[in-house]
């Protein structure tokens, strides 16, 4: 069963506001050719549904790069919703940053944001993981990424997990606009999506709430890791 129309339309309106902001700033947003609504799919049983989407930001503003190079960004998201509330039970958002010079793309930063309802062993509830993981080529190509895919990524020996706020797809997009498009564009985007905010599925916070409510002597980390009886300690 797919999520209700108010959930699907919230994603559609949020992503359309993002596209409008990018193009108004004279930048390019490339997405799969299939309709956005086709990216809402069954997630294995009648109680869950998922949203899968990728996009490509070509020539994304970056003050640190010389004019002979550009920054390209590819994002891949997978978010899962659970009935009856249709809250987010899982969110994974991959972000690859490429520096392009003479049509040669080099992966310079790879990260992904993660959340799983109930938590994962040794993981903060919400976290970003720094890695050298390349988004699969099929997903890159689906966005219109036409450069040669790097044969090997940077060697990353330590895949650090850093606790974060609830960084879902909407949050990642929000930060991409804030970090790269400047104060005026960010302010306009924030105003345009404000009315959509409450319609986007919120992460399921029950396990986190229990962890916060519990008296703990875990070095003040209860807001990051689960310390609840009956739940895997992390």
C-alpha atoms as a PDB file:
ATOM      1  CA  UNK A   1       0.000   0.000   0.000  1.00  0.00           C
ATOM      2  CA  UNK A   2       1.314   3.420  -0.951  1.00  0.00           C
ATOM      3  CA  UNK A   3       1.294   6.358   1.483  1.00  0.00           C
ATOM      4  CA  UNK A   4      -1.734   8.684   1.317  1.00  0.00           C
ATOM      5  CA  UNK A   5      -1.904  11.548  -1.138  1.00  0.00           C
ATOM      6  CA  UNK A   6      -1.089  14.199   1.469  1.00  0.00           C
ATOM      7  CA  UNK A   7       2.302  12.511   2.061  1.00  0.00           C
ATOM      8  CA  UNK A   8       3.073  12.042  -1.635  1.00  0.00           C
ATOM      9  CA  UNK A   9       2.032  15.585  -2.519  1.00  0.00           C
ATOM     10  CA  UNK A  10       4.218  16.991   0.272  1.00  0.00           C
ATOM     11  CA  UNK A  11       7.302  15.355  -1.266  1.00  0.00           C
ATOM     12  CA  UNK A  12       6.291  16.531  -4.731  1.00  0.00           C
ATOM     13  CA  UNK A  13       5.775  20.136  -3.607  1.00  0.00           C
ATOM     14  CA  UNK A  14       8.984  20.220  -1.558  1.00  0.00           C
ATOM     15  CA  UNK A  15      11.100  18.895  -4.425  1.00  0.00           C
ATOM     16  CA  UNK A  16       9.406  21.241  -6.882  1.00  0.00           C
ATOM     17  CA  UNK A  17      10.218  24.186  -4.579  1.00  0.00           C
ATOM     18  CA  UNK A  18      13.838  22.993  -4.529  1.00  0.00           C
ATOM     19  CA  UNK A  19      13.961  22.793  -8.338  1.00  0.00           C
ATOM     20  CA  UNK A  20      12.472  26.273  -8.650  1.00  0.00           C
ATOM     21  CA  UNK A  21      15.039  27.685  -6.224  1.00  0.00           C
ATOM     22  CA  UNK A  22      17.960  26.059  -8.036  1.00  0.00           C
ATOM     23  CA  UNK A  23      16.840  27.328 -11.434  1.00  0.00           C
ATOM     24  CA  UNK A  24      16.073  30.816 -10.098  1.00  0.00           C
ATOM     25  CA  UNK A  25      19.691  30.918  -8.911  1.00  0.00           C
ATOM     26  CA  UNK A  26      20.792  30.053 -12.485  1.00  0.00           C
ATOM     27  CA  UNK A  27      21.967  26.561 -11.634  1.00  0.00           C
ATOM     28  CA  UNK A  28      21.075  23.162 -12.990  1.00  0.00           C
ATOM     29  CA  UNK A  29      19.127  20.358 -11.308  1.00  0.00           C
ATOM     30  CA  UNK A  30      18.950  17.060 -13.195  1.00  0.00           C
ATOM     31  CA  UNK A  31      16.571  14.267 -12.127  1.00  0.00           C
ATOM     32  CA  UNK A  32      15.373  10.893 -13.453  1.00  0.00           C
ATOM     33  CA  UNK A  33      12.986  11.121 -16.389  1.00  0.00           C
ATOM     34  CA  UNK A  34      10.319   8.999 -14.699  1.00  0.00           C
ATOM     35  CA  UNK A  35       7.463  10.807 -12.901  1.00  0.00           C
ATOM     36  CA  UNK A  36       8.169  11.555  -9.260  1.00  0.00           C
ATOM     37  CA  UNK A  37       4.990   9.756  -8.172  1.00  0.00           C
ATOM     38  CA  UNK A  38       6.359   6.484  -9.578  1.00  0.00           C
ATOM     39  CA  UNK A  39       9.125   6.588  -6.953  1.00  0.00           C
ATOM     40  CA  UNK A  40       6.652   5.713  -4.187  1.00  0.00           C
ATOM     41  CA  UNK A  41       6.671   1.912  -4.026  1.00  0.00           C
ATOM     42  CA  UNK A  42       5.609  -0.968  -1.803  1.00  0.00           C
ATOM     43  CA  UNK A  43       8.295  -1.889   0.720  1.00  0.00           C
ATOM     44  CA  UNK A  44       7.759  -5.616   1.072  1.00  0.00           C
ATOM     45  CA  UNK A  45       4.536  -5.825   3.076  1.00  0.00           C
ATOM     46  CA  UNK A  46       1.199  -4.066   3.438  1.00  0.00           C
ATOM     47  CA  UNK A  47       2.345  -2.011   6.431  1.00  0.00           C
ATOM     48  CA  UNK A  48       5.222  -0.203   4.711  1.00  0.00           C
ATOM     49  CA  UNK A  49       5.963   1.917   1.665  1.00  0.00           C
ATOM     50  CA  UNK A  50       9.132   3.574   0.400  1.00  0.00           C
ATOM     51  CA  UNK A  51      10.272   6.603  -1.568  1.00  0.00           C
ATOM     52  CA  UNK A  52      13.376   6.360  -3.777  1.00  0.00           C
ATOM     53  CA  UNK A  53      14.819   9.371  -5.562  1.00  0.00           C
ATOM     54  CA  UNK A  54      18.116  10.727  -6.888  1.00  0.00           C
ATOM     55  CA  UNK A  55      19.206  14.042  -8.351  1.00  0.00           C
ATOM     56  CA  UNK A  56      22.306  15.689  -9.811  1.00  0.00           C
ATOM     57  CA  UNK A  57      23.506  19.242  -9.155  1.00  0.00           C
ATOM     58  CA  UNK A  58      25.975  20.257 -11.873  1.00  0.00           C
ATOM     59  CA  UNK A  59      28.319  23.150 -11.260  1.00  0.00           C
ATOM     60  CA  UNK A  60      27.163  23.682  -7.688  1.00  0.00           C
ATOM     61  CA  UNK A  61      28.541  26.925  -6.191  1.00  0.00           C
ATOM     62  CA  UNK A  62      31.791  26.476  -4.273  1.00  0.00           C
ATOM     63  CA  UNK A  63      33.930  29.495  -3.422  1.00  0.00           C
ATOM     64  CA  UNK A  64      37.006  27.392  -2.632  1.00  0.00           C
ATOM     65  CA  UNK A  65      37.403  26.005  -6.162  1.00  0.00           C
ATOM     66  CA  UNK A  66      39.312  27.843  -8.894  1.00  0.00           C
ATOM     67  CA  UNK A  67      37.456  28.724 -12.096  1.00  0.00           C
ATOM     68  CA  UNK A  68      39.124  25.843 -13.934  1.00  0.00           C
ATOM     69  CA  UNK A  69      37.226  23.358 -11.762  1.00  0.00           C
ATOM     70  CA  UNK A  70      33.633  22.847 -10.704  1.00  0.00           C
ATOM     71  CA  UNK A  71      31.749  21.026  -7.975  1.00  0.00           C
ATOM     72  CA  UNK A  72      29.091  18.441  -8.908  1.00  0.00           C
ATOM     73  CA  UNK A  73      26.832  16.838  -6.304  1.00  0.00           C
ATOM     74  CA  UNK A  74      24.743  13.666  -6.608  1.00  0.00           C
ATOM     75  CA  UNK A  75      22.169  12.697  -3.968  1.00  0.00           C
ATOM     76  CA  UNK A  76      20.395   9.360  -3.597  1.00  0.00           C
ATOM     77  CA  UNK A  77      17.628   8.897  -1.003  1.00  0.00           C
ATOM     78  CA  UNK A  78      15.625   5.951   0.284  1.00  0.00           C
ATOM     79  CA  UNK A  79      12.949   6.665   2.896  1.00  0.00           C
ATOM     80  CA  UNK A  80      10.506   4.130   4.350  1.00  0.00           C
ATOM     81  CA  UNK A  81       7.119   4.889   5.939  1.00  0.00           C
ATOM     82  CA  UNK A  82       5.057   2.684   8.251  1.00  0.00           C
ATOM     83  CA  UNK A  83       1.295   2.537   8.744  1.00  0.00           C
ATOM     84  CA  UNK A  84      -0.959   3.709  10.312  1.00  0.00           C
ATOM     85  CA  UNK A  85       0.769   7.008  11.081  1.00  0.00           C
ATOM     86  CA  UNK A  86       2.982   6.890   7.971  1.00  0.00           C
ATOM     87  CA  UNK A  87       5.879   8.104  10.105  1.00  0.00           C
ATOM     88  CA  UNK A  88       9.407   7.611   8.805  1.00  0.00           C
ATOM     89  CA  UNK A  89      10.788   4.315  10.055  1.00  0.00           C
ATOM     90  CA  UNK A  90      14.004   4.507   8.022  1.00  0.00           C
ATOM     91  CA  UNK A  91      15.863   7.185   6.097  1.00  0.00           C
ATOM     92  CA  UNK A  92      19.169   6.888   4.234  1.00  0.00           C
ATOM     93  CA  UNK A  93      20.480   9.754   2.135  1.00  0.00           C
ATOM     94  CA  UNK A  94      23.747   9.361   0.197  1.00  0.00           C
ATOM     95  CA  UNK A  95      25.649  12.447  -0.959  1.00  0.00           C
ATOM     96  CA  UNK A  96      28.639  12.317  -3.338  1.00  0.00           C
ATOM     97  CA  UNK A  97      30.702  15.435  -4.040  1.00  0.00           C
ATOM     98  CA  UNK A  98      32.815  15.462  -7.223  1.00  0.00           C
ATOM     99  CA  UNK A  99      35.425  17.976  -8.328  1.00  0.00           C
ATOM    100  CA  UNK A 100      35.405  18.122 -12.114  1.00  0.00           C
ATOM    101  CA  UNK A 101      38.335  19.288 -14.219  1.00  0.00           C
ATOM    102  CA  UNK A 102      38.494  18.804 -18.020  1.00  0.00           C
ATOM    103  CA  UNK A 103      35.582  16.323 -17.862  1.00  0.00           C
ATOM    104  CA  UNK A 104      37.472  14.270 -15.270  1.00  0.00           C
ATOM    105  CA  UNK A 105      35.422  13.667 -12.112  1.00  0.00           C
ATOM    106  CA  UNK A 106      37.126  12.989  -8.805  1.00  0.00           C
ATOM    107  CA  UNK A 107      35.129  11.881  -5.770  1.00  0.00           C
ATOM    108  CA  UNK A 108      36.312  14.236  -3.026  1.00  0.00           C
ATOM    109  CA  UNK A 109      33.693  13.600  -0.322  1.00  0.00           C
ATOM    110  CA  UNK A 110      31.207  10.801   0.256  1.00  0.00           C
ATOM    111  CA  UNK A 111      28.793  10.660   3.134  1.00  0.00           C
ATOM    112  CA  UNK A 112      25.424   9.290   4.040  1.00  0.00           C
ATOM    113  CA  UNK A 113      22.853  10.259   6.627  1.00  0.00           C
ATOM    114  CA  UNK A 114      21.097   7.414   8.446  1.00  0.00           C
ATOM    115  CA  UNK A 115      18.121   6.816  10.688  1.00  0.00           C
ATOM    116  CA  UNK A 116      16.452   3.510  11.613  1.00  0.00           C
ATOM    117  CA  UNK A 117      13.481   3.309  13.964  1.00  0.00           C
ATOM    118  CA  UNK A 118      14.585   1.591  17.163  1.00  0.00           C
ATOM    119  CA  UNK A 119      18.247   2.286  16.507  1.00  0.00           C
ATOM    120  CA  UNK A 120      21.173   0.148  15.373  1.00  0.00           C
ATOM    121  CA  UNK A 121      23.944  -1.417  17.396  1.00  0.00           C
ATOM    122  CA  UNK A 122      26.784   1.029  18.052  1.00  0.00           C
ATOM    123  CA  UNK A 123      25.095   3.732  15.954  1.00  0.00           C
ATOM    124  CA  UNK A 124      23.746   7.112  17.061  1.00  0.00           C
ATOM    125  CA  UNK A 125      20.016   7.326  16.305  1.00  0.00           C
ATOM    126  CA  UNK A 126      20.659   9.996  13.666  1.00  0.00           C
ATOM    127  CA  UNK A 127      24.134  10.192  12.224  1.00  0.00           C
ATOM    128  CA  UNK A 128      26.225  11.052   9.212  1.00  0.00           C
ATOM    129  CA  UNK A 129      28.880   8.565   8.150  1.00  0.00           C
ATOM    130  CA  UNK A 130      31.972   9.741   6.310  1.00  0.00           C
ATOM    131  CA  UNK A 131      33.207   7.179   3.819  1.00  0.00           C
ATOM    132  CA  UNK A 132      34.571   6.623   0.298  1.00  0.00           C
ATOM    133  CA  UNK A 133      31.369   4.970  -0.929  1.00  0.00           C
ATOM    134  CA  UNK A 134      30.400   5.827  -4.506  1.00  0.00           C
ATOM    135  CA  UNK A 135      26.698   5.980  -5.393  1.00  0.00           C
ATOM    136  CA  UNK A 136      26.054   3.015  -7.748  1.00  0.00           C
ATOM    137  CA  UNK A 137      26.594   3.815 -11.427  1.00  0.00           C
ATOM    138  CA  UNK A 138      22.987   3.020 -12.391  1.00  0.00           C
ATOM    139  CA  UNK A 139      21.742   5.629  -9.928  1.00  0.00           C
ATOM    140  CA  UNK A 140      24.314   8.165 -11.113  1.00  0.00           C
ATOM    141  CA  UNK A 141      23.321   7.646 -14.754  1.00  0.00           C
ATOM    142  CA  UNK A 142      19.609   7.893 -13.963  1.00  0.00           C
ATOM    143  CA  UNK A 143      20.155  11.520 -12.938  1.00  0.00           C
ATOM    144  CA  UNK A 144      21.917  12.508 -16.161  1.00  0.00           C
ATOM    145  CA  UNK A 145      25.454  12.189 -14.780  1.00  0.00           C
ATOM    146  CA  UNK A 146      27.455  11.744 -18.007  1.00  0.00           C
ATOM    147  CA  UNK A 147      31.035  11.949 -16.750  1.00  0.00           C
ATOM    148  CA  UNK A 148      33.290   8.934 -16.439  1.00  0.00           C
ATOM    149  CA  UNK A 149      32.665   7.303 -13.087  1.00  0.00           C
ATOM    150  CA  UNK A 150      35.877   7.281 -11.044  1.00  0.00           C
ATOM    151  CA  UNK A 151      37.461   3.823 -11.142  1.00  0.00           C
ATOM    152  CA  UNK A 152      38.339   4.100  -7.471  1.00  0.00           C
ATOM    153  CA  UNK A 153      37.346   6.429  -4.679  1.00  0.00           C
ATOM    154  CA  UNK A 154      39.606   8.086  -2.166  1.00  0.00           C
ATOM    155  CA  UNK A 155      40.907   5.657   0.409  1.00  0.00           C
ATOM    156  CA  UNK A 156      38.969   6.215   3.611  1.00  0.00           C
ATOM    157  CA  UNK A 157      40.279   4.015   6.402  1.00  0.00           C
ATOM    158  CA  UNK A 158      38.037   5.369   9.152  1.00  0.00           C
ATOM    159  CA  UNK A 159      34.282   5.506   8.479  1.00  0.00           C
ATOM    160  CA  UNK A 160      33.387   7.848  11.304  1.00  0.00           C
ATOM    161  CA  UNK A 161      29.751   8.120  12.447  1.00  0.00           C
ATOM    162  CA  UNK A 162      28.899  11.568  13.769  1.00  0.00           C
ATOM    163  CA  UNK A 163      25.612  12.186  15.663  1.00  0.00           C
ATOM    164  CA  UNK A 164      23.349  14.696  13.916  1.00  0.00           C
ATOM    165  CA  UNK A 165      19.858  16.172  14.184  1.00  0.00           C
ATOM    166  CA  UNK A 166      17.139  14.359  12.215  1.00  0.00           C
ATOM    167  CA  UNK A 167      18.740  14.618   8.785  1.00  0.00           C
ATOM    168  CA  UNK A 168      16.169  13.235   6.371  1.00  0.00           C
ATOM    169  CA  UNK A 169      16.031  14.002   2.631  1.00  0.00           C
ATOM    170  CA  UNK A 170      14.220  17.294   3.266  1.00  0.00           C
ATOM    171  CA  UNK A 171      16.847  18.302   5.833  1.00  0.00           C
ATOM    172  CA  UNK A 172      19.734  17.450   3.493  1.00  0.00           C
ATOM    173  CA  UNK A 173      18.185  19.547   0.708  1.00  0.00           C
ATOM    174  CA  UNK A 174      17.594  22.384   3.174  1.00  0.00           C
ATOM    175  CA  UNK A 175      21.301  22.344   4.076  1.00  0.00           C
ATOM    176  CA  UNK A 176      22.432  22.148   0.439  1.00  0.00           C
ATOM    177  CA  UNK A 177      20.515  25.346  -0.290  1.00  0.00           C
ATOM    178  CA  UNK A 178      21.803  27.071   2.848  1.00  0.00           C
ATOM    179  CA  UNK A 179      25.427  26.053   2.288  1.00  0.00           C
ATOM    180  CA  UNK A 180      25.707  26.879  -1.405  1.00  0.00           C
ATOM    181  CA  UNK A 181      23.028  29.256  -2.737  1.00  0.00           C
ATOM    182  CA  UNK A 182      23.444  32.234  -0.436  1.00  0.00           C
ATOM    183  CA  UNK A 183      21.277  33.991   2.129  1.00  0.00           C
ATOM    184  CA  UNK A 184      18.684  35.488  -0.228  1.00  0.00           C
ATOM    185  CA  UNK A 185      17.933  32.238  -2.075  1.00  0.00           C
ATOM    186  CA  UNK A 186      17.915  30.282   1.171  1.00  0.00           C
ATOM    187  CA  UNK A 187      15.504  32.714   2.824  1.00  0.00           C
ATOM    188  CA  UNK A 188      13.109  32.509  -0.128  1.00  0.00           C
ATOM    189  CA  UNK A 189      13.311  28.711  -0.227  1.00  0.00           C
ATOM    190  CA  UNK A 190      12.714  28.453   3.530  1.00  0.00           C
ATOM    191  CA  UNK A 191       9.599  30.611   3.220  1.00  0.00           C
ATOM    192  CA  UNK A 192       8.307  28.626   0.235  1.00  0.00           C
ATOM    193  CA  UNK A 193       8.551  25.254   2.007  1.00  0.00           C
ATOM    194  CA  UNK A 194       7.431  26.372   5.474  1.00  0.00           C
ATOM    195  CA  UNK A 195       3.802  25.430   4.814  1.00  0.00           C
ATOM    196  CA  UNK A 196       4.854  21.960   3.590  1.00  0.00           C
ATOM    197  CA  UNK A 197       6.849  21.112   6.699  1.00  0.00           C
ATOM    198  CA  UNK A 198       4.059  19.629   8.817  1.00  0.00           C
ATOM    199  CA  UNK A 199       2.879  17.417   5.958  1.00  0.00           C
ATOM    200  CA  UNK A 200       6.217  15.685   5.483  1.00  0.00           C
ATOM    201  CA  UNK A 201       6.463  12.426   7.464  1.00  0.00           C
ATOM    202  CA  UNK A 202       8.271  12.877  10.771  1.00  0.00           C
ATOM    203  CA  UNK A 203      10.750  10.230  11.961  1.00  0.00           C
ATOM    204  CA  UNK A 204       9.350   7.768  14.496  1.00  0.00           C
ATOM    205  CA  UNK A 205      10.690   9.074  17.804  1.00  0.00           C
ATOM    206  CA  UNK A 206       9.237   6.649  20.360  1.00  0.00           C
ATOM    207  CA  UNK A 207      12.517   4.859  21.145  1.00  0.00           C
ATOM    208  CA  UNK A 208      14.384   8.158  21.241  1.00  0.00           C
ATOM    209  CA  UNK A 209      11.778   9.621  23.602  1.00  0.00           C
ATOM    210  CA  UNK A 210      12.191   6.687  25.995  1.00  0.00           C
ATOM    211  CA  UNK A 211      15.936   7.147  25.917  1.00  0.00           C
ATOM    212  CA  UNK A 212      15.608  10.843  26.679  1.00  0.00           C
ATOM    213  CA  UNK A 213      13.160  10.203  29.523  1.00  0.00           C
ATOM    214  CA  UNK A 214      15.334   7.632  31.219  1.00  0.00           C
ATOM    215  CA  UNK A 215      17.719   8.682  33.978  1.00  0.00           C
ATOM    216  CA  UNK A 216      21.108   7.702  32.664  1.00  0.00           C
ATOM    217  CA  UNK A 217      24.775   7.866  33.518  1.00  0.00           C
ATOM    218  CA  UNK A 218      25.960   7.365  29.978  1.00  0.00           C
ATOM    219  CA  UNK A 219      28.170  10.436  29.613  1.00  0.00           C
ATOM    220  CA  UNK A 220      25.227  12.610  28.552  1.00  0.00           C
ATOM    221  CA  UNK A 221      24.817  10.584  25.349  1.00  0.00           C
ATOM    222  CA  UNK A 222      21.200   9.530  25.857  1.00  0.00           C
ATOM    223  CA  UNK A 223      20.138  11.939  23.129  1.00  0.00           C
ATOM    224  CA  UNK A 224      22.455  10.136  20.696  1.00  0.00           C
ATOM    225  CA  UNK A 225      22.443   6.435  21.580  1.00  0.00           C
ATOM    226  CA  UNK A 226      19.725   4.097  22.861  1.00  0.00           C
ATOM    227  CA  UNK A 227      19.971   3.080  26.535  1.00  0.00           C
ATOM    228  CA  UNK A 228      16.540   1.564  26.962  1.00  0.00           C
ATOM    229  CA  UNK A 229      15.706  -1.810  28.541  1.00  0.00           C
ATOM    230  CA  UNK A 230      14.566  -4.251  25.915  1.00  0.00           C
ATOM    231  CA  UNK A 231      16.351  -2.376  23.127  1.00  0.00           C
ATOM    232  CA  UNK A 232      19.852  -3.160  21.914  1.00  0.00           C
ATOM    233  CA  UNK A 233      22.305  -0.933  23.760  1.00  0.00           C
ATOM    234  CA  UNK A 234      24.408   1.237  21.518  1.00  0.00           C
END
